Protein backbone atom coordinates (compact mmCIF):
# COMPACT_ATOMS: atom_id res chain seq x y z
CA MET A 1 46.91 73.05 99.94
CA ALA A 2 43.62 71.21 100.41
CA THR A 3 43.61 67.48 101.04
CA TYR A 4 41.82 65.05 98.73
CA GLN A 5 39.15 64.59 101.40
CA GLU A 6 38.57 68.35 101.64
CA LEU A 7 38.32 68.60 97.85
CA ILE A 8 35.89 65.66 97.79
CA TYR A 9 33.66 67.27 100.43
CA LYS A 10 33.75 70.59 98.55
CA GLU A 11 32.78 68.88 95.29
CA ILE A 12 29.89 67.06 96.98
CA GLY A 13 28.61 70.35 98.38
CA GLU A 14 28.76 71.95 94.95
CA ILE A 15 26.89 69.02 93.37
CA ILE A 16 24.12 69.20 95.97
CA LYS A 17 23.83 72.98 95.50
CA ILE A 18 23.56 72.73 91.71
CA VAL A 19 21.02 69.89 91.87
CA GLN A 20 18.88 72.10 94.10
CA TYR A 21 19.05 74.81 91.42
CA ILE A 22 18.01 72.19 88.85
CA GLU A 23 14.99 71.40 91.05
CA TRP A 24 14.18 75.11 91.28
CA ASN A 25 14.51 75.62 87.52
CA LEU A 26 12.37 72.56 86.79
CA LEU A 27 9.65 73.92 89.05
CA GLY A 28 9.87 77.14 87.04
CA ARG A 29 9.25 75.11 83.88
CA LEU A 30 6.16 73.76 85.59
CA LYS A 31 5.04 77.34 86.33
CA ARG A 32 5.31 76.82 90.08
CA ASP A 33 6.03 80.08 91.89
CA ASN A 34 7.02 78.61 95.23
CA PHE A 35 9.62 76.02 95.97
CA GLU A 36 7.33 73.20 96.94
CA GLU A 37 8.10 70.25 99.12
CA MET A 38 8.67 67.89 96.22
CA THR A 39 11.52 65.49 95.74
CA LEU A 40 13.54 65.54 92.55
CA GLY A 41 11.99 62.19 91.66
CA GLN A 42 8.49 63.64 92.02
CA ILE A 43 9.45 66.66 89.94
CA ILE A 44 10.86 64.42 87.18
CA LYS A 45 7.67 62.35 87.18
CA LEU A 46 5.60 65.53 86.78
CA ILE A 47 7.93 66.81 84.03
CA ARG A 48 7.50 63.49 82.20
CA THR A 49 3.70 63.51 82.59
CA LYS A 50 3.33 67.10 81.37
CA LYS A 51 5.89 66.55 78.57
CA VAL A 52 7.75 69.72 79.51
CA LEU A 53 11.14 68.37 78.38
CA HIS A 54 12.31 66.04 75.63
CA ILE A 55 12.78 62.41 76.65
CA THR A 56 16.59 62.65 76.34
CA ALA A 57 16.64 65.48 78.89
CA ILE A 58 14.39 63.45 81.18
CA ASP A 59 16.71 60.46 80.82
CA GLU A 60 19.65 62.64 81.87
CA LEU A 61 17.63 63.97 84.81
CA GLU A 62 16.97 60.42 85.93
CA GLU A 63 20.68 59.66 85.72
CA ILE A 64 21.41 62.78 87.78
CA LEU A 65 18.78 61.70 90.32
CA ARG A 66 20.28 58.21 90.58
CA LYS A 67 23.80 59.55 91.08
CA ARG A 68 22.66 62.23 93.54
CA ASN A 69 20.69 59.67 95.56
CA ASP A 70 23.71 57.39 95.67
CA LEU A 71 25.90 60.29 96.77
CA VAL A 72 23.52 61.36 99.54
CA HIS A 73 22.35 57.97 100.78
CA SER A 74 25.09 55.39 100.26
CA TYR A 75 28.24 56.70 98.54
CA PHE A 76 30.55 56.78 101.57
CA LYS A 77 29.34 53.43 102.89
CA ARG A 78 29.47 51.74 99.49
CA LYS A 79 32.97 53.05 98.79
CA ASP A 80 34.13 52.39 102.38
CA PHE A 81 35.89 55.73 102.75
CA GLU A 82 37.11 54.91 106.25
CA LYS A 83 39.11 52.00 104.86
CA HIS A 84 40.54 54.08 101.99
CA CYS A 85 40.98 57.44 103.73
CA ASN A 86 44.78 57.39 103.21
CA ASN A 87 44.79 55.83 99.75
CA GLU A 88 45.66 58.71 97.40
CA PHE A 89 44.98 56.67 94.26
CA PHE A 90 41.46 55.83 95.49
CA LEU A 91 40.79 59.41 96.62
CA SER A 92 42.06 60.95 93.37
CA ASN A 93 39.83 58.62 91.34
CA GLU A 94 36.81 59.49 93.48
CA LEU A 95 37.57 63.19 93.18
CA ARG A 96 37.71 62.82 89.38
CA TYR A 97 34.34 61.00 89.40
CA LEU A 98 32.80 63.79 91.49
CA GLU A 99 34.30 66.52 89.29
CA ASN A 100 32.80 64.81 86.23
CA PHE A 101 29.42 64.52 87.94
CA CYS A 102 29.62 68.17 88.97
CA ASP A 103 30.36 69.13 85.35
CA GLN A 104 27.34 67.08 84.24
CA VAL A 105 24.93 68.79 86.63
CA GLN A 106 26.40 72.23 85.88
CA LYS A 107 26.01 71.76 82.13
CA PHE A 108 22.49 70.43 82.53
CA ASN A 109 21.47 73.36 84.70
CA GLU A 110 23.02 75.84 82.24
CA TRP A 111 21.11 74.17 79.39
CA LEU A 112 17.91 74.24 81.45
CA VAL A 113 18.24 77.97 82.10
CA LYS A 114 19.03 78.81 78.43
CA ASN A 115 16.32 76.68 76.81
């Protein structure tokens, strides 16, 4: 059986993968054939300028960007995982947060592909 830490790392990997697909699908909306060297923030700015998506979808994208940036740049430091590495209550709560975030990005990407 996987440990909480292993499940957390797996969930983070899945989130990062799906967010990259969101970037790819957004570039498709912009009629870009190649995956360009653009950050998600730059892509969102371009989506907003060209009015490719409704404002509510852009707002959700910005929330996804904020959460993804936190995950990649400061999540482990901010949560002090070293201090809590044996705290099952802490780890289970963090796993639930990541599962919810993963569901959010998965649903957004599915919506993006269908619409």
